[in-house]
Amino acid sequence: QVQLVESGGGLVQAGESLRLSCAASGVRFSGNAMGWYRQAPGKQRELVATLTSGGTARYGESVEGRFTISGDNTKNTVYLQMNSLKPEDTAVYYCRVFRTMTPTYTYWGQGTQVTVSS
């Protein structure tokens, strides 16, 4: 059974930093792509950052330059370092592990709340 467990969310003030973690069991990060997505109230889920198994990172336009995704295969954990947080970063953040080549699959975590006050 695959489980992705996010942690590290919380309430911070604008300009501060947070680091989210996503620990996986039942699936290895190695060889898969990993990602962070977020969903604010009344909005669709959007891409925050992804990291391929080869180490290529991609970021959403609104977080480029402020957020950094990284992975530790030895701990089977993916991180999202969030700096210079803004109130518009407030959302539930979800971790995803996925494979785009056959056989494809995707797994999601339960989400962690990030709230940034102005």
C-alpha atoms as a PDB file:
ATOM      1  CA  GLN A   1       0.000   0.000   0.000  1.00  0.00           C
ATOM      2  CA  VAL A   2       1.353   3.371  -1.049  1.00  0.00           C
ATOM      3  CA  GLN A   3       1.308   6.257   1.408  1.00  0.00           C
ATOM      4  CA  LEU A   4       2.606   9.782   0.964  1.00  0.00           C
ATOM      5  CA  VAL A   5       2.644  11.824   4.144  1.00  0.00           C
ATOM      6  CA  GLU A   6       3.219  15.570   3.955  1.00  0.00           C
ATOM      7  CA  SER A   7       4.384  17.659   6.887  1.00  0.00           C
ATOM      8  CA  GLY A   8       5.798  21.085   7.622  1.00  0.00           C
ATOM      9  CA  GLY A   9       2.817  23.250   6.850  1.00  0.00           C
ATOM     10  CA  GLY A  10       1.655  25.981   9.175  1.00  0.00           C
ATOM     11  CA  LEU A  11       0.911  29.653   9.666  1.00  0.00           C
ATOM     12  CA  VAL A  12       3.630  32.169   8.841  1.00  0.00           C
ATOM     13  CA  GLN A  13       3.867  35.849   8.061  1.00  0.00           C
ATOM     14  CA  ALA A  14       4.608  37.232   4.634  1.00  0.00           C
ATOM     15  CA  GLY A  15       8.302  37.139   3.850  1.00  0.00           C
ATOM     16  CA  GLU A  16       9.012  34.124   6.036  1.00  0.00           C
ATOM     17  CA  SER A  17       9.999  30.602   4.985  1.00  0.00           C
ATOM     18  CA  LEU A  18       8.699  27.076   5.385  1.00  0.00           C
ATOM     19  CA  ARG A  19       9.983  23.684   4.332  1.00  0.00           C
ATOM     20  CA  LEU A  20       7.522  20.979   3.431  1.00  0.00           C
ATOM     21  CA  SER A  21       8.415  17.298   3.517  1.00  0.00           C
ATOM     22  CA  CYS A  22       6.759  14.324   1.882  1.00  0.00           C
ATOM     23  CA  ALA A  23       7.739  10.875   3.081  1.00  0.00           C
ATOM     24  CA  ALA A  24       6.755   7.906   0.952  1.00  0.00           C
ATOM     25  CA  SER A  25       6.176   4.292   1.776  1.00  0.00           C
ATOM     26  CA  GLY A  26       5.233   1.554  -0.647  1.00  0.00           C
ATOM     27  CA  VAL A  27       6.779   3.384  -3.615  1.00  0.00           C
ATOM     28  CA  ARG A  28      10.310   4.460  -4.320  1.00  0.00           C
ATOM     29  CA  PHE A  29      11.059   8.012  -5.366  1.00  0.00           C
ATOM     30  CA  SER A  30      14.051   6.732  -7.264  1.00  0.00           C
ATOM     31  CA  GLY A  31      13.064   6.210 -10.885  1.00  0.00           C
ATOM     32  CA  ASN A  32       9.860   8.236 -10.581  1.00  0.00           C
ATOM     33  CA  ALA A  33       8.938  11.865 -10.931  1.00  0.00           C
ATOM     34  CA  MET A  34       7.892  13.838  -7.871  1.00  0.00           C
ATOM     35  CA  GLY A  35       5.882  16.967  -7.528  1.00  0.00           C
ATOM     36  CA  TRP A  36       4.235  19.510  -5.310  1.00  0.00           C
ATOM     37  CA  TYR A  37       0.865  20.995  -6.173  1.00  0.00           C
ATOM     38  CA  ARG A  38      -1.425  23.340  -4.315  1.00  0.00           C
ATOM     39  CA  GLN A  39      -5.084  24.217  -4.169  1.00  0.00           C
ATOM     40  CA  ALA A  40      -6.479  27.401  -2.725  1.00  0.00           C
ATOM     41  CA  PRO A  41     -10.164  27.743  -1.756  1.00  0.00           C
ATOM     42  CA  GLY A  42     -12.334  28.126  -4.828  1.00  0.00           C
ATOM     43  CA  LYS A  43      -9.449  27.488  -7.202  1.00  0.00           C
ATOM     44  CA  GLN A  44      -8.199  24.544  -9.214  1.00  0.00           C
ATOM     45  CA  ARG A  45      -5.199  22.543  -8.132  1.00  0.00           C
ATOM     46  CA  GLU A  46      -2.061  23.971  -9.711  1.00  0.00           C
ATOM     47  CA  LEU A  47       1.485  22.849 -10.246  1.00  0.00           C
ATOM     48  CA  VAL A  48       4.052  24.243  -7.839  1.00  0.00           C
ATOM     49  CA  ALA A  49       7.136  22.225  -8.740  1.00  0.00           C
ATOM     50  CA  THR A  50       8.152  18.897 -10.211  1.00  0.00           C
ATOM     51  CA  LEU A  51      11.393  16.966 -10.166  1.00  0.00           C
ATOM     52  CA  THR A  52      12.236  14.215 -12.636  1.00  0.00           C
ATOM     53  CA  SER A  53      14.182  11.102 -11.717  1.00  0.00           C
ATOM     54  CA  GLY A  54      17.053  12.625 -13.671  1.00  0.00           C
ATOM     55  CA  GLY A  55      17.083  15.683 -11.439  1.00  0.00           C
ATOM     56  CA  THR A  56      15.402  18.247 -13.703  1.00  0.00           C
ATOM     57  CA  ALA A  57      13.218  20.684 -11.788  1.00  0.00           C
ATOM     58  CA  ARG A  58      10.329  22.681 -13.155  1.00  0.00           C
ATOM     59  CA  TYR A  59       8.420  25.422 -11.335  1.00  0.00           C
ATOM     60  CA  GLY A  60       5.151  27.204 -11.610  1.00  0.00           C
ATOM     61  CA  GLU A  61       5.526  30.774 -12.766  1.00  0.00           C
ATOM     62  CA  SER A  62       4.272  32.252  -9.515  1.00  0.00           C
ATOM     63  CA  VAL A  63       6.894  30.467  -7.376  1.00  0.00           C
ATOM     64  CA  GLU A  64       9.908  30.532  -9.701  1.00  0.00           C
ATOM     65  CA  GLY A  65      12.910  31.904  -7.842  1.00  0.00           C
ATOM     66  CA  ARG A  66      11.306  31.557  -4.405  1.00  0.00           C
ATOM     67  CA  PHE A  67      10.637  27.831  -4.048  1.00  0.00           C
ATOM     68  CA  THR A  68      13.035  24.899  -4.431  1.00  0.00           C
ATOM     69  CA  ILE A  69      12.135  21.241  -4.824  1.00  0.00           C
ATOM     70  CA  SER A  70      14.598  18.542  -3.831  1.00  0.00           C
ATOM     71  CA  GLY A  71      14.611  14.847  -3.099  1.00  0.00           C
ATOM     72  CA  ASP A  72      16.503  12.458  -0.865  1.00  0.00           C
ATOM     73  CA  ASN A  73      16.305   8.954  -2.260  1.00  0.00           C
ATOM     74  CA  THR A  74      17.975   7.488   0.818  1.00  0.00           C
ATOM     75  CA  LYS A  75      15.105   8.788   2.941  1.00  0.00           C
ATOM     76  CA  ASN A  76      12.488   8.376   0.214  1.00  0.00           C
ATOM     77  CA  THR A  77      11.466  11.947   0.935  1.00  0.00           C
ATOM     78  CA  VAL A  78      10.844  14.986  -1.254  1.00  0.00           C
ATOM     79  CA  TYR A  79      11.070  18.531   0.042  1.00  0.00           C
ATOM     80  CA  LEU A  80       9.763  21.931  -0.919  1.00  0.00           C
ATOM     81  CA  GLN A  81      11.695  24.878   0.436  1.00  0.00           C
ATOM     82  CA  MET A  82       9.495  27.955   0.294  1.00  0.00           C
ATOM     83  CA  ASN A  83      11.081  31.355   0.784  1.00  0.00           C
ATOM     84  CA  SER A  84       9.695  34.885   0.631  1.00  0.00           C
ATOM     85  CA  LEU A  85       6.197  33.589   1.177  1.00  0.00           C
ATOM     86  CA  LYS A  86       3.266  35.720   0.088  1.00  0.00           C
ATOM     87  CA  PRO A  87      -0.391  35.687   1.181  1.00  0.00           C
ATOM     88  CA  GLU A  88      -1.296  34.345  -2.268  1.00  0.00           C
ATOM     89  CA  ASP A  89       0.766  31.219  -1.484  1.00  0.00           C
ATOM     90  CA  THR A  90      -1.912  30.237   1.019  1.00  0.00           C
ATOM     91  CA  ALA A  91      -3.272  26.836  -0.005  1.00  0.00           C
ATOM     92  CA  VAL A  92      -3.301  23.149   0.757  1.00  0.00           C
ATOM     93  CA  TYR A  93      -0.082  21.676  -0.621  1.00  0.00           C
ATOM     94  CA  TYR A  94      -0.096  18.148  -2.019  1.00  0.00           C
ATOM     95  CA  CYS A  95       2.764  15.805  -2.772  1.00  0.00           C
ATOM     96  CA  ARG A  96       2.629  13.572  -5.838  1.00  0.00           C
ATOM     97  CA  VAL A  97       4.718  10.663  -7.078  1.00  0.00           C
ATOM     98  CA  PHE A  98       4.092   9.631 -10.662  1.00  0.00           C
ATOM     99  CA  ARG A  99       5.361   7.767 -13.646  1.00  0.00           C
ATOM    100  CA  THR A 100       4.641   8.942 -17.171  1.00  0.00           C
ATOM    101  CA  MET A 101       5.950   5.911 -19.028  1.00  0.00           C
ATOM    102  CA  THR A 102       3.972   2.696 -19.298  1.00  0.00           C
ATOM    103  CA  PRO A 103       2.868   1.439 -16.834  1.00  0.00           C
ATOM    104  CA  THR A 104       1.785   4.869 -15.708  1.00  0.00           C
ATOM    105  CA  TYR A 105       0.620   5.628 -12.177  1.00  0.00           C
ATOM    106  CA  THR A 106       0.194   8.508  -9.806  1.00  0.00           C
ATOM    107  CA  TYR A 107      -0.093   8.743  -6.055  1.00  0.00           C
ATOM    108  CA  TRP A 108      -1.129  11.740  -3.964  1.00  0.00           C
ATOM    109  CA  GLY A 109      -0.617  12.685  -0.364  1.00  0.00           C
ATOM    110  CA  GLN A 110      -3.405  13.971   1.857  1.00  0.00           C
ATOM    111  CA  GLY A 111      -2.156  17.557   1.817  1.00  0.00           C
ATOM    112  CA  THR A 112      -0.783  20.030   4.318  1.00  0.00           C
ATOM    113  CA  GLN A 113      -2.140  23.523   4.939  1.00  0.00           C
ATOM    114  CA  VAL A 114       0.066  26.551   4.412  1.00  0.00           C
ATOM    115  CA  THR A 115      -1.302  29.908   5.507  1.00  0.00           C
ATOM    116  CA  VAL A 116       0.581  33.146   4.940  1.00  0.00           C
ATOM    117  CA  SER A 117      -0.674  36.228   6.724  1.00  0.00           C
ATOM    118  CA  SER A 118      -0.008  39.746   5.505  1.00  0.00           C
END
